[in-house]
Full PDB file with SEQRES, HELIX, SHEET, SSBOND, CRYST1, ORIGX, SCALE, CONECT and MASTER records, all heavy atoms in Angstrom:
SEQRES   1 A   43  LYS GLN LEU THR GLU ALA VAL THR LYS VAL THR TRP THR          
SEQRES   2 A   43  ALA ASP GLY LYS GLY ILE GLU PRO GLY TYR PHE GLU LYS          
SEQRES   3 A   43  PHE PRO VAL SER VAL GLY ALA LEU PRO GLU ASP THR ASP          
SEQRES   4 A   43  THR LEU VAL PHE                                              
CRYST1    1.000    1.000    1.000  90.00  90.00  90.00 P 1           1          
ORIGX1      1.000000  0.000000  0.000000        0.00000                         
ORIGX2      0.000000  1.000000  0.000000        0.00000                         
ORIGX3      0.000000  0.000000  1.000000        0.00000                         
SCALE1      1.000000  0.000000  0.000000        0.00000                         
SCALE2      0.000000  1.000000  0.000000        0.00000                         
SCALE3      0.000000  0.000000  1.000000        0.00000                         
ATOM      1  N   LYS A   1      -0.499 -12.448  18.197  1.00  0.00           N  
ATOM      2  CA  LYS A   1      -1.470 -11.398  18.489  1.00  0.00           C  
ATOM      3  C   LYS A   1      -2.779 -11.687  17.774  1.00  0.00           C  
ATOM      4  O   LYS A   1      -2.787 -12.179  16.649  1.00  0.00           O  
ATOM      5  CB  LYS A   1      -0.933 -10.035  18.042  1.00  0.00           C  
ATOM      6  CG  LYS A   1       0.314  -9.576  18.776  1.00  0.00           C  
ATOM      7  CD  LYS A   1       0.750  -8.211  18.283  1.00  0.00           C  
ATOM      8  CE  LYS A   1       1.999  -7.736  19.001  1.00  0.00           C  
ATOM      9  NZ  LYS A   1       2.447  -6.398  18.503  1.00  0.00           N  
ATOM     10  N   GLN A   2      -3.884 -11.373  18.451  1.00  0.00           N  
ATOM     11  CA  GLN A   2      -5.188 -11.539  17.830  1.00  0.00           C  
ATOM     12  C   GLN A   2      -5.614 -10.212  17.222  1.00  0.00           C  
ATOM     13  O   GLN A   2      -5.748  -9.203  17.918  1.00  0.00           O  
ATOM     14  CB  GLN A   2      -6.233 -12.021  18.842  1.00  0.00           C  
ATOM     15  CG  GLN A   2      -7.558 -12.411  18.175  1.00  0.00           C  
ATOM     16  CD  GLN A   2      -8.562 -12.949  19.177  1.00  0.00           C  
ATOM     17  OE1 GLN A   2      -8.868 -12.286  20.155  1.00  0.00           O  
ATOM     18  NE2 GLN A   2      -9.068 -14.155  18.933  1.00  0.00           N  
ATOM     19  N   LEU A   3      -5.814 -10.204  15.909  1.00  0.00           N  
ATOM     20  CA  LEU A   3      -6.204  -8.985  15.214  1.00  0.00           C  
ATOM     21  C   LEU A   3      -7.716  -8.956  15.025  1.00  0.00           C  
ATOM     22  O   LEU A   3      -8.296  -9.877  14.458  1.00  0.00           O  
ATOM     23  CB  LEU A   3      -5.517  -8.910  13.842  1.00  0.00           C  
ATOM     24  CG  LEU A   3      -3.986  -8.846  13.826  1.00  0.00           C  
ATOM     25  CD1 LEU A   3      -3.499  -8.765  12.386  1.00  0.00           C  
ATOM     26  CD2 LEU A   3      -3.486  -7.658  14.624  1.00  0.00           C  
ATOM     27  N   THR A   4      -8.332  -7.885  15.519  1.00  0.00           N  
ATOM     28  CA  THR A   4      -9.776  -7.695  15.317  1.00  0.00           C  
ATOM     29  C   THR A   4     -10.034  -6.623  14.272  1.00  0.00           C  
ATOM     30  O   THR A   4     -11.134  -6.527  13.730  1.00  0.00           O  
ATOM     31  CB  THR A   4     -10.469  -7.309  16.640  1.00  0.00           C  
ATOM     32  OG1 THR A   4      -9.861  -6.110  17.137  1.00  0.00           O  
ATOM     33  CG2 THR A   4     -10.308  -8.428  17.662  1.00  0.00           C  
ATOM     34  N   GLU A   5      -9.023  -5.786  14.007  1.00  0.00           N  
ATOM     35  CA  GLU A   5      -9.111  -4.793  12.939  1.00  0.00           C  
ATOM     36  C   GLU A   5      -7.746  -4.638  12.296  1.00  0.00           C  
ATOM     37  O   GLU A   5      -6.719  -4.963  12.896  1.00  0.00           O  
ATOM     38  CB  GLU A   5      -9.620  -3.447  13.465  1.00  0.00           C  
ATOM     39  CG  GLU A   5      -8.646  -2.710  14.367  1.00  0.00           C  
ATOM     40  CD  GLU A   5      -9.118  -1.297  14.669  1.00  0.00           C  
ATOM     41  OE1 GLU A   5     -10.295  -0.973  14.391  1.00  0.00           O  
ATOM     42  OE2 GLU A   5      -8.302  -0.506  15.177  1.00  0.00           O  
ATOM     43  N   ALA A   6      -7.746  -4.146  11.087  1.00  0.00           N  
ATOM     44  CA  ALA A   6      -6.483  -3.985  10.358  1.00  0.00           C  
ATOM     45  C   ALA A   6      -6.663  -2.923   9.289  1.00  0.00           C  
ATOM     46  O   ALA A   6      -7.790  -2.532   8.952  1.00  0.00           O  
ATOM     47  CB  ALA A   6      -6.060  -5.311   9.728  1.00  0.00           C  
ATOM     48  N   VAL A   7      -5.536  -2.444   8.755  1.00  0.00           N  
ATOM     49  CA  VAL A   7      -5.583  -1.488   7.654  1.00  0.00           C  
ATOM     50  C   VAL A   7      -6.109  -2.207   6.415  1.00  0.00           C  
ATOM     51  O   VAL A   7      -5.573  -3.238   6.005  1.00  0.00           O  
ATOM     52  CB  VAL A   7      -4.187  -0.894   7.376  1.00  0.00           C  
ATOM     53  CG1 VAL A   7      -4.207  -0.043   6.097  1.00  0.00           C  
ATOM     54  CG2 VAL A   7      -3.717  -0.059   8.551  1.00  0.00           C  
ATOM     55  N   THR A   8      -7.166  -1.670   5.850  1.00  0.00           N  
ATOM     56  CA  THR A   8      -7.766  -2.287   4.661  1.00  0.00           C  
ATOM     57  C   THR A   8      -7.584  -1.442   3.407  1.00  0.00           C  
ATOM     58  O   THR A   8      -7.798  -1.932   2.299  1.00  0.00           O  
ATOM     59  CB  THR A   8      -9.270  -2.534   4.877  1.00  0.00           C  
ATOM     60  OG1 THR A   8      -9.890  -1.310   5.305  1.00  0.00           O  
ATOM     61  CG2 THR A   8      -9.483  -3.611   5.939  1.00  0.00           C  
ATOM     62  N   LYS A   9      -7.180  -0.177   3.589  1.00  0.00           N  
ATOM     63  CA  LYS A   9      -6.966   0.663   2.409  1.00  0.00           C  
ATOM     64  C   LYS A   9      -6.061   1.838   2.745  1.00  0.00           C  
ATOM     65  O   LYS A   9      -6.136   2.406   3.831  1.00  0.00           O  
ATOM     66  CB  LYS A   9      -8.294   1.172   1.851  1.00  0.00           C  
ATOM     67  CG  LYS A   9      -8.136   1.979   0.555  1.00  0.00           C  
ATOM     68  CD  LYS A   9      -9.468   2.209  -0.157  1.00  0.00           C  
ATOM     69  CE  LYS A   9     -10.376   3.132   0.608  1.00  0.00           C  
ATOM     70  NZ  LYS A   9     -11.580   3.497  -0.196  1.00  0.00           N  
ATOM     71  N   VAL A  10      -5.198   2.190   1.796  1.00  0.00           N  
ATOM     72  CA  VAL A  10      -4.398   3.406   1.883  1.00  0.00           C  
ATOM     73  C   VAL A  10      -4.682   4.217   0.621  1.00  0.00           C  
ATOM     74  O   VAL A  10      -4.637   3.690  -0.493  1.00  0.00           O  
ATOM     75  CB  VAL A  10      -2.892   3.107   1.999  1.00  0.00           C  
ATOM     76  CG1 VAL A  10      -2.091   4.415   2.005  1.00  0.00           C  
ATOM     77  CG2 VAL A  10      -2.595   2.313   3.266  1.00  0.00           C  
ATOM     78  N   THR A  11      -4.985   5.508   0.816  1.00  0.00           N  
ATOM     79  CA  THR A  11      -5.342   6.379  -0.304  1.00  0.00           C  
ATOM     80  C   THR A  11      -4.370   7.555  -0.384  1.00  0.00           C  
ATOM     81  O   THR A  11      -4.113   8.229   0.619  1.00  0.00           O  
ATOM     82  CB  THR A  11      -6.773   6.927  -0.145  1.00  0.00           C  
ATOM     83  OG1 THR A  11      -7.682   5.829  -0.029  1.00  0.00           O  
ATOM     84  CG2 THR A  11      -7.167   7.782  -1.340  1.00  0.00           C  
ATOM     85  N   TRP A  12      -3.815   7.775  -1.572  1.00  0.00           N  
ATOM     86  CA  TRP A  12      -2.959   8.923  -1.836  1.00  0.00           C  
ATOM     87  C   TRP A  12      -3.716   9.872  -2.762  1.00  0.00           C  
ATOM     88  O   TRP A  12      -4.162   9.473  -3.840  1.00  0.00           O  
ATOM     89  CB  TRP A  12      -1.660   8.498  -2.505  1.00  0.00           C  
ATOM     90  CG  TRP A  12      -0.705   7.724  -1.649  1.00  0.00           C  
ATOM     91  CD1 TRP A  12       0.348   8.213  -0.926  1.00  0.00           C  
ATOM     92  CD2 TRP A  12      -0.685   6.296  -1.442  1.00  0.00           C  
ATOM     93  NE1 TRP A  12       1.012   7.202  -0.285  1.00  0.00           N  
ATOM     94  CE2 TRP A  12       0.403   6.008  -0.580  1.00  0.00           C  
ATOM     95  CE3 TRP A  12      -1.480   5.235  -1.901  1.00  0.00           C  
ATOM     96  CZ2 TRP A  12       0.710   4.713  -0.173  1.00  0.00           C  
ATOM     97  CZ3 TRP A  12      -1.186   3.949  -1.498  1.00  0.00           C  
ATOM     98  CH2 TRP A  12      -0.101   3.693  -0.637  1.00  0.00           C  
ATOM     99  N   THR A  13      -3.847  11.136  -2.356  1.00  0.00           N  
ATOM    100  CA  THR A  13      -4.536  12.142  -3.171  1.00  0.00           C  
ATOM    101  C   THR A  13      -3.581  13.301  -3.431  1.00  0.00           C  
ATOM    102  O   THR A  13      -2.971  13.840  -2.494  1.00  0.00           O  
ATOM    103  CB  THR A  13      -5.795  12.659  -2.460  1.00  0.00           C  
ATOM    104  OG1 THR A  13      -6.641  11.548  -2.133  1.00  0.00           O  
ATOM    105  CG2 THR A  13      -6.569  13.619  -3.362  1.00  0.00           C  
ATOM    106  N   ALA A  14      -3.445  13.686  -4.685  1.00  0.00           N  
ATOM    107  CA  ALA A  14      -2.492  14.731  -5.054  1.00  0.00           C  
ATOM    108  C   ALA A  14      -2.938  16.093  -4.545  1.00  0.00           C  
ATOM    109  O   ALA A  14      -4.112  16.463  -4.665  1.00  0.00           O  
ATOM    110  CB  ALA A  14      -2.323  14.766  -6.569  1.00  0.00           C  
ATOM    111  N   ASP A  15      -1.988  16.837  -3.969  1.00  0.00           N  
ATOM    112  CA  ASP A  15      -2.237  18.223  -3.556  1.00  0.00           C  
ATOM    113  C   ASP A  15      -1.985  19.183  -4.712  1.00  0.00           C  
ATOM    114  O   ASP A  15      -2.472  20.313  -4.705  1.00  0.00           O  
ATOM    115  CB  ASP A  15      -1.330  18.606  -2.387  1.00  0.00           C  
ATOM    116  CG  ASP A  15      -1.784  17.949  -1.089  1.00  0.00           C  
ATOM    117  OD1 ASP A  15      -2.971  17.629  -0.977  1.00  0.00           O  
ATOM    118  OD2 ASP A  15      -0.938  17.747  -0.200  1.00  0.00           O  
ATOM    119  N   GLY A  16      -1.192  18.745  -5.674  1.00  0.00           N  
ATOM    120  CA  GLY A  16      -0.828  19.606  -6.796  1.00  0.00           C  
ATOM    121  C   GLY A  16      -1.175  18.969  -8.126  1.00  0.00           C  
ATOM    122  O   GLY A  16      -2.301  18.540  -8.367  1.00  0.00           O  
ATOM    123  N   LYS A  17      -0.154  18.862  -9.003  1.00  0.00           N  
ATOM    124  CA  LYS A  17      -0.374  18.368 -10.362  1.00  0.00           C  
ATOM    125  C   LYS A  17      -0.540  16.853 -10.439  1.00  0.00           C  
ATOM    126  O   LYS A  17      -1.057  16.333 -11.420  1.00  0.00           O  
ATOM    127  CB  LYS A  17       0.795  18.796 -11.262  1.00  0.00           C  
ATOM    128  CG  LYS A  17       0.917  20.302 -11.437  1.00  0.00           C  
ATOM    129  CD  LYS A  17       2.092  20.641 -12.351  1.00  0.00           C  
ATOM    130  CE  LYS A  17       2.229  22.143 -12.543  1.00  0.00           C  
ATOM    131  NZ  LYS A  17       3.384  22.472 -13.431  1.00  0.00           N  
ATOM    132  N   GLY A  18      -0.065  16.138  -9.430  1.00  0.00           N  
ATOM    133  CA  GLY A  18      -0.129  14.678  -9.497  1.00  0.00           C  
ATOM    134  C   GLY A  18       0.956  14.123 -10.402  1.00  0.00           C  
ATOM    135  O   GLY A  18       2.018  14.715 -10.581  1.00  0.00           O  
ATOM    136  N   ILE A  19       0.682  12.964 -10.996  1.00  0.00           N  
ATOM    137  CA  ILE A  19       1.639  12.325 -11.909  1.00  0.00           C  
ATOM    138  C   ILE A  19       1.287  12.753 -13.323  1.00  0.00           C  
ATOM    139  O   ILE A  19       0.274  12.326 -13.878  1.00  0.00           O  
ATOM    140  CB  ILE A  19       1.607  10.793 -11.787  1.00  0.00           C  
ATOM    141  CG1 ILE A  19       1.758  10.367 -10.326  1.00  0.00           C  
ATOM    142  CG2 ILE A  19       2.710  10.167 -12.633  1.00  0.00           C  
ATOM    143  CD1 ILE A  19       1.531   8.884 -10.102  1.00  0.00           C  
ATOM    144  N   GLU A  20       2.121  13.574 -13.922  1.00  0.00           N  
ATOM    145  CA  GLU A  20       1.832  14.108 -15.246  1.00  0.00           C  
ATOM    146  C   GLU A  20       2.166  13.082 -16.336  1.00  0.00           C  
ATOM    147  O   GLU A  20       2.894  12.115 -16.100  1.00  0.00           O  
ATOM    148  CB  GLU A  20       2.622  15.396 -15.452  1.00  0.00           C  
ATOM    149  CG  GLU A  20       2.247  16.503 -14.478  1.00  0.00           C  
ATOM    150  CD  GLU A  20       3.009  17.782 -14.751  1.00  0.00           C  
ATOM    151  OE1 GLU A  20       2.507  18.601 -15.539  1.00  0.00           O  
ATOM    152  OE2 GLU A  20       4.095  17.957 -14.169  1.00  0.00           O  
ATOM    153  N   PRO A  21       1.639  13.274 -17.557  1.00  0.00           N  
ATOM    154  CA  PRO A  21       1.928  12.367 -18.670  1.00  0.00           C  
ATOM    155  C   PRO A  21       3.423  12.199 -18.886  1.00  0.00           C  
ATOM    156  O   PRO A  21       4.188  13.155 -18.834  1.00  0.00           O  
ATOM    157  CB  PRO A  21       1.260  13.064 -19.863  1.00  0.00           C  
ATOM    158  CG  PRO A  21       0.131  13.831 -19.258  1.00  0.00           C  
ATOM    159  CD  PRO A  21       0.672  14.326 -17.931  1.00  0.00           C  
ATOM    160  N   GLY A  22       3.835  10.955 -19.090  1.00  0.00           N  
ATOM    161  CA  GLY A  22       5.246  10.667 -19.321  1.00  0.00           C  
ATOM    162  C   GLY A  22       6.048  10.406 -18.064  1.00  0.00           C  
ATOM    163  O   GLY A  22       7.253  10.202 -18.137  1.00  0.00           O  
ATOM    164  N   TYR A  23       5.381  10.376 -16.883  1.00  0.00           N  
ATOM    165  CA  TYR A  23       6.079  10.165 -15.626  1.00  0.00           C  
ATOM    166  C   TYR A  23       5.414   9.044 -14.811  1.00  0.00           C  
ATOM    167  O   TYR A  23       4.300   8.621 -15.106  1.00  0.00           O  
ATOM    168  CB  TYR A  23       6.087  11.453 -14.783  1.00  0.00           C  
ATOM    169  CG  TYR A  23       7.003  12.519 -15.323  1.00  0.00           C  
ATOM    170  CD1 TYR A  23       6.582  13.346 -16.377  1.00  0.00           C  
ATOM    171  CD2 TYR A  23       8.283  12.691 -14.812  1.00  0.00           C  
ATOM    172  CE1 TYR A  23       7.430  14.317 -16.891  1.00  0.00           C  
ATOM    173  CE2 TYR A  23       9.127  13.662 -15.324  1.00  0.00           C  
ATOM    174  CZ  TYR A  23       8.699  14.473 -16.364  1.00  0.00           C  
ATOM    175  OH  TYR A  23       9.537  15.427 -16.873  1.00  0.00           O  
ATOM    176  N   PHE A  24       6.166   8.581 -13.789  1.00  0.00           N  
ATOM    177  CA  PHE A  24       5.595   7.633 -12.843  1.00  0.00           C  
ATOM    178  C   PHE A  24       5.982   8.089 -11.436  1.00  0.00           C  
ATOM    179  O   PHE A  24       6.838   8.933 -11.241  1.00  0.00           O  
ATOM    180  CB  PHE A  24       6.075   6.200 -13.105  1.00  0.00           C  
ATOM    181  CG  PHE A  24       7.517   5.938 -12.745  1.00  0.00           C  
ATOM    182  CD1 PHE A  24       7.876   5.562 -11.452  1.00  0.00           C  
ATOM    183  CD2 PHE A  24       8.523   6.061 -13.690  1.00  0.00           C  
ATOM    184  CE1 PHE A  24       9.195   5.326 -11.102  1.00  0.00           C  
ATOM    185  CE2 PHE A  24       9.853   5.831 -13.352  1.00  0.00           C  
ATOM    186  CZ  PHE A  24      10.191   5.462 -12.062  1.00  0.00           C  
ATOM    187  N   GLU A  25       5.342   7.501 -10.453  1.00  0.00           N  
ATOM    188  CA  GLU A  25       5.621   7.808  -9.047  1.00  0.00           C  
ATOM    189  C   GLU A  25       5.667   6.512  -8.258  1.00  0.00           C  
ATOM    190  O   GLU A  25       4.965   5.543  -8.577  1.00  0.00           O  
ATOM    191  CB  GLU A  25       4.524   8.709  -8.477  1.00  0.00           C  
ATOM    192  CG  GLU A  25       4.780   9.197  -7.063  1.00  0.00           C  
ATOM    193  CD  GLU A  25       5.667  10.437  -7.031  1.00  0.00           C  
ATOM    194  OE1 GLU A  25       5.302  11.449  -7.637  1.00  0.00           O  
ATOM    195  OE2 GLU A  25       6.728  10.363  -6.373  1.00  0.00           O  
ATOM    196  N   LYS A  26       6.524   6.493  -7.213  1.00  0.00           N  
ATOM    197  CA  LYS A  26       6.570   5.360  -6.299  1.00  0.00           C  
ATOM    198  C   LYS A  26       5.999   5.774  -4.947  1.00  0.00           C  
ATOM    199  O   LYS A  26       6.332   6.846  -4.434  1.00  0.00           O  
ATOM    200  CB  LYS A  26       8.006   4.852  -6.123  1.00  0.00           C  
ATOM    201  CG  LYS A  26       8.560   4.108  -7.331  1.00  0.00           C  
ATOM    202  CD  LYS A  26       9.958   3.590  -7.036  1.00  0.00           C  
ATOM    203  CE  LYS A  26      10.522   2.829  -8.228  1.00  0.00           C  
ATOM    204  NZ  LYS A  26      11.881   2.310  -7.947  1.00  0.00           N  
ATOM    205  N   PHE A  27       5.168   4.905  -4.383  1.00  0.00           N  
ATOM    206  CA  PHE A  27       4.553   5.167  -3.093  1.00  0.00           C  
ATOM    207  C   PHE A  27       5.007   4.080  -2.111  1.00  0.00           C  
ATOM    208  O   PHE A  27       4.463   2.974  -2.105  1.00  0.00           O  
ATOM    209  CB  PHE A  27       3.031   5.178  -3.226  1.00  0.00           C  
ATOM    210  CG  PHE A  27       2.512   6.239  -4.162  1.00  0.00           C  
ATOM    211  CD1 PHE A  27       2.373   5.991  -5.510  1.00  0.00           C  
ATOM    212  CD2 PHE A  27       2.181   7.499  -3.682  1.00  0.00           C  
ATOM    213  CE1 PHE A  27       1.905   6.971  -6.385  1.00  0.00           C  
ATOM    214  CE2 PHE A  27       1.710   8.492  -4.525  1.00  0.00           C  
ATOM    215  CZ  PHE A  27       1.577   8.231  -5.885  1.00  0.00           C  
ATOM    216  N   PRO A  28       6.007   4.370  -1.268  1.00  0.00           N  
ATOM    217  CA  PRO A  28       6.552   3.354  -0.357  1.00  0.00           C  
ATOM    218  C   PRO A  28       5.688   3.163   0.889  1.00  0.00           C  
ATOM    219  O   PRO A  28       5.145   4.119   1.445  1.00  0.00           O  
ATOM    220  CB  PRO A  28       7.930   3.923   0.024  1.00  0.00           C  
ATOM    221  CG  PRO A  28       8.163   5.084  -0.895  1.00  0.00           C  
ATOM    222  CD  PRO A  28       6.808   5.590  -1.264  1.00  0.00           C  
ATOM    223  N   VAL A  29       5.599   1.903   1.318  1.00  0.00           N  
ATOM    224  CA  VAL A  29       4.854   1.560   2.524  1.00  0.00           C  
ATOM    225  C   VAL A  29       5.640   0.490   3.286  1.00  0.00           C  
ATOM    226  O   VAL A  29       6.079  -0.505   2.695  1.00  0.00           O  
ATOM    227  CB  VAL A  29       3.443   1.015   2.203  1.00  0.00           C  
ATOM    228  CG1 VAL A  29       2.687   0.729   3.491  1.00  0.00           C  
ATOM    229  CG2 VAL A  29       2.662   2.009   1.359  1.00  0.00           C  
ATOM    230  N   SER A  30       5.805   0.697   4.600  1.00  0.00           N  
ATOM    231  CA  SER A  30       6.400  -0.333   5.447  1.00  0.00           C  
ATOM    232  C   SER A  30       5.289  -1.254   5.929  1.00  0.00           C  
ATOM    233  O   SER A  30       4.278  -0.784   6.472  1.00  0.00           O  
ATOM    234  CB  SER A  30       7.100   0.323   6.641  1.00  0.00           C  
ATOM    235  OG  SER A  30       7.529  -0.676   7.558  1.00  0.00           O  
ATOM    236  N   VAL A  31       5.454  -2.560   5.718  1.00  0.00           N  
ATOM    237  CA  VAL A  31       4.411  -3.527   6.084  1.00  0.00           C  
ATOM    238  C   VAL A  31       5.002  -4.693   6.867  1.00  0.00           C  
ATOM    239  O   VAL A  31       6.178  -5.013   6.753  1.00  0.00           O  
ATOM    240  CB  VAL A  31       3.694  -4.073   4.822  1.00  0.00           C  
ATOM    241  CG1 VAL A  31       2.961  -2.966   4.098  1.00  0.00           C  
ATOM    242  CG2 VAL A  31       4.692  -4.749   3.881  1.00  0.00           C  
ATOM    243  N   GLY A  32       4.157  -5.321   7.675  1.00  0.00           N  
ATOM    244  CA  GLY A  32       4.577  -6.500   8.422  1.00  0.00           C  
ATOM    245  C   GLY A  32       3.607  -6.785   9.562  1.00  0.00           C  
ATOM    246  O   GLY A  32       2.688  -5.997   9.806  1.00  0.00           O  
ATOM    247  N   ALA A  33       3.772  -7.852  10.263  1.00  0.00           N  
ATOM    248  CA  ALA A  33       4.644  -8.921   9.823  1.00  0.00           C  
ATOM    249  C   ALA A  33       3.972  -9.661   8.666  1.00  0.00           C  
ATOM    250  O   ALA A  33       2.762  -9.878   8.678  1.00  0.00           O  
ATOM    251  CB  ALA A  33       4.938  -9.888  10.966  1.00  0.00           C  
ATOM    252  N   LEU A  34       4.769 -10.038   7.671  1.00  0.00           N  
ATOM    253  CA  LEU A  34       4.231 -10.707   6.492  1.00  0.00           C  
ATOM    254  C   LEU A  34       3.789 -12.123   6.839  1.00  0.00           C  
ATOM    255  O   LEU A  34       4.415 -12.800   7.661  1.00  0.00           O  
ATOM    256  CB  LEU A  34       5.287 -10.736   5.391  1.00  0.00           C  
ATOM    257  CG  LEU A  34       5.723  -9.352   4.883  1.00  0.00           C  
ATOM    258  CD1 LEU A  34       6.916  -9.473   3.951  1.00  0.00           C  
ATOM    259  CD2 LEU A  34       4.571  -8.656   4.182  1.00  0.00           C  
ATOM    260  N   PRO A  35       2.695 -12.591   6.236  1.00  0.00           N  
ATOM    261  CA  PRO A  35       2.179 -13.927   6.564  1.00  0.00           C  
ATOM    262  C   PRO A  35       3.157 -15.031   6.173  1.00  0.00           C  
ATOM    263  O   PRO A  35       3.959 -14.870   5.250  1.00  0.00           O  
ATOM    264  CB  PRO A  35       0.890 -14.009   5.748  1.00  0.00           C  
ATOM    265  CG  PRO A  35       1.085 -13.044   4.628  1.00  0.00           C  
ATOM    266  CD  PRO A  35       1.897 -11.924   5.204  1.00  0.00           C  
ATOM    267  N   GLU A  36       3.054 -16.144   6.868  1.00  0.00           N  
ATOM    268  CA  GLU A  36       3.934 -17.287   6.602  1.00  0.00           C  
ATOM    269  C   GLU A  36       3.207 -18.426   5.895  1.00  0.00           C  
ATOM    270  O   GLU A  36       3.835 -19.420   5.543  1.00  0.00           O  
ATOM    271  CB  GLU A  36       4.540 -17.789   7.918  1.00  0.00           C  
ATOM    272  CG  GLU A  36       5.356 -16.733   8.641  1.00  0.00           C  
ATOM    273  CD  GLU A  36       6.003 -17.260   9.907  1.00  0.00           C  
ATOM    274  OE1 GLU A  36       6.856 -18.168   9.799  1.00  0.00           O  
ATOM    275  OE2 GLU A  36       5.648 -16.785  11.002  1.00  0.00           O  
ATOM    276  N   ASP A  37       1.900 -18.279   5.701  1.00  0.00           N  
ATOM    277  CA  ASP A  37       1.124 -19.370   5.116  1.00  0.00           C  
ATOM    278  C   ASP A  37       0.655 -19.075   3.695  1.00  0.00           C  
ATOM    279  O   ASP A  37      -0.319 -19.644   3.214  1.00  0.00           O  
ATOM    280  CB  ASP A  37      -0.097 -19.683   5.998  1.00  0.00           C  
ATOM    281  CG  ASP A  37      -0.983 -18.463   6.217  1.00  0.00           C  
ATOM    282  OD1 ASP A  37      -0.562 -17.343   5.852  1.00  0.00           O  
ATOM    283  OD2 ASP A  37      -2.096 -18.635   6.750  1.00  0.00           O  
ATOM    284  N   THR A  38       1.335 -18.156   3.003  1.00  0.00           N  
ATOM    285  CA  THR A  38       1.016 -17.873   1.606  1.00  0.00           C  
ATOM    286  C   THR A  38       2.270 -17.403   0.890  1.00  0.00           C  
ATOM    287  O   THR A  38       3.228 -16.943   1.534  1.00  0.00           O  
ATOM    288  CB  THR A  38      -0.090 -16.808   1.487  1.00  0.00           C  
ATOM    289  OG1 THR A  38      -0.447 -16.642   0.110  1.00  0.00           O  
ATOM    290  CG2 THR A  38       0.382 -15.471   2.037  1.00  0.00           C  
ATOM    291  N   ASP A  39       2.280 -17.545  -0.425  1.00  0.00           N  
ATOM    292  CA  ASP A  39       3.441 -17.138  -1.220  1.00  0.00           C  
ATOM    293  C   ASP A  39       3.252 -15.766  -1.857  1.00  0.00           C  
ATOM    294  O   ASP A  39       4.213 -15.167  -2.357  1.00  0.00           O  
ATOM    295  CB  ASP A  39       3.719 -18.164  -2.324  1.00  0.00           C  
ATOM    296  CG  ASP A  39       4.128 -19.517  -1.766  1.00  0.00           C  
ATOM    297  OD1 ASP A  39       4.813 -19.541  -0.731  1.00  0.00           O  
ATOM    298  OD2 ASP A  39       3.753 -20.550  -2.366  1.00  0.00           O  
ATOM    299  N   THR A  40       2.018 -15.272  -1.873  1.00  0.00           N  
ATOM    300  CA  THR A  40       1.745 -13.991  -2.520  1.00  0.00           C  
ATOM    301  C   THR A  40       0.706 -13.195  -1.742  1.00  0.00           C  
ATOM    302  O   THR A  40      -0.105 -13.758  -1.006  1.00  0.00           O  
ATOM    303  CB  THR A  40       1.222 -14.189  -3.960  1.00  0.00           C  
ATOM    304  OG1 THR A  40       0.024 -14.979  -3.926  1.00  0.00           O  
ATOM    305  CG2 THR A  40       2.255 -14.875  -4.835  1.00  0.00           C  
ATOM    306  N   LEU A  41       0.745 -11.885  -1.920  1.00  0.00           N  
ATOM    307  CA  LEU A  41      -0.279 -10.995  -1.405  1.00  0.00           C  
ATOM    308  C   LEU A  41      -0.795 -10.156  -2.573  1.00  0.00           C  
ATOM    309  O   LEU A  41      -0.009  -9.607  -3.345  1.00  0.00           O  
ATOM    310  CB  LEU A  41       0.276 -10.073  -0.319  1.00  0.00           C  
ATOM    311  CG  LEU A  41       0.615 -10.709   1.036  1.00  0.00           C  
ATOM    312  CD1 LEU A  41       1.224  -9.657   1.957  1.00  0.00           C  
ATOM    313  CD2 LEU A  41      -0.615 -11.328   1.673  1.00  0.00           C  
ATOM    314  N   VAL A  42      -2.111 -10.071  -2.688  1.00  0.00           N  
ATOM    315  CA  VAL A  42      -2.737  -9.324  -3.780  1.00  0.00           C  
ATOM    316  C   VAL A  42      -3.270  -7.997  -3.247  1.00  0.00           C  
ATOM    317  O   VAL A  42      -4.008  -7.967  -2.261  1.00  0.00           O  
ATOM    318  CB  VAL A  42      -3.878 -10.129  -4.427  1.00  0.00           C  
ATOM    319  CG1 VAL A  42      -4.532  -9.318  -5.540  1.00  0.00           C  
ATOM    320  CG2 VAL A  42      -3.361 -11.461  -4.979  1.00  0.00           C  
ATOM    321  N   PHE A  43      -2.866  -6.905  -3.902  1.00  0.00           N  
ATOM    322  CA  PHE A  43      -3.312  -5.569  -3.522  1.00  0.00           C  
ATOM    323  C   PHE A  43      -4.107  -4.978  -4.692  1.00  0.00           C  
ATOM    324  O   PHE A  43      -3.516  -4.582  -5.695  1.00  0.00           O  
ATOM    325  CB  PHE A  43      -2.126  -4.662  -3.204  1.00  0.00           C  
ATOM    326  CG  PHE A  43      -1.273  -5.131  -2.058  1.00  0.00           C  
ATOM    327  CD1 PHE A  43      -0.245  -6.047  -2.271  1.00  0.00           C  
ATOM    328  CD2 PHE A  43      -1.489  -4.670  -0.770  1.00  0.00           C  
ATOM    329  CE1 PHE A  43       0.555  -6.475  -1.229  1.00  0.00           C  
ATOM    330  CE2 PHE A  43      -0.704  -5.096   0.285  1.00  0.00           C  
ATOM    331  CZ  PHE A  43       0.317  -6.007   0.062  1.00  0.00           C  
TER     332      PHE A  43                                                      
MASTER        0    0    0    0    0    0    0    6  331    1    0    4          
END                                                                             
């Protein structure tokens, strides 16, 4: 497929308290198809 546009940013904004001190959060994203000509992706 020829891509002329793609997702360049995803933004999460808290509706409430967010991540409070002493805690962490995971933000899952389904991605693909992953490239075959590199060993890493930098976000």
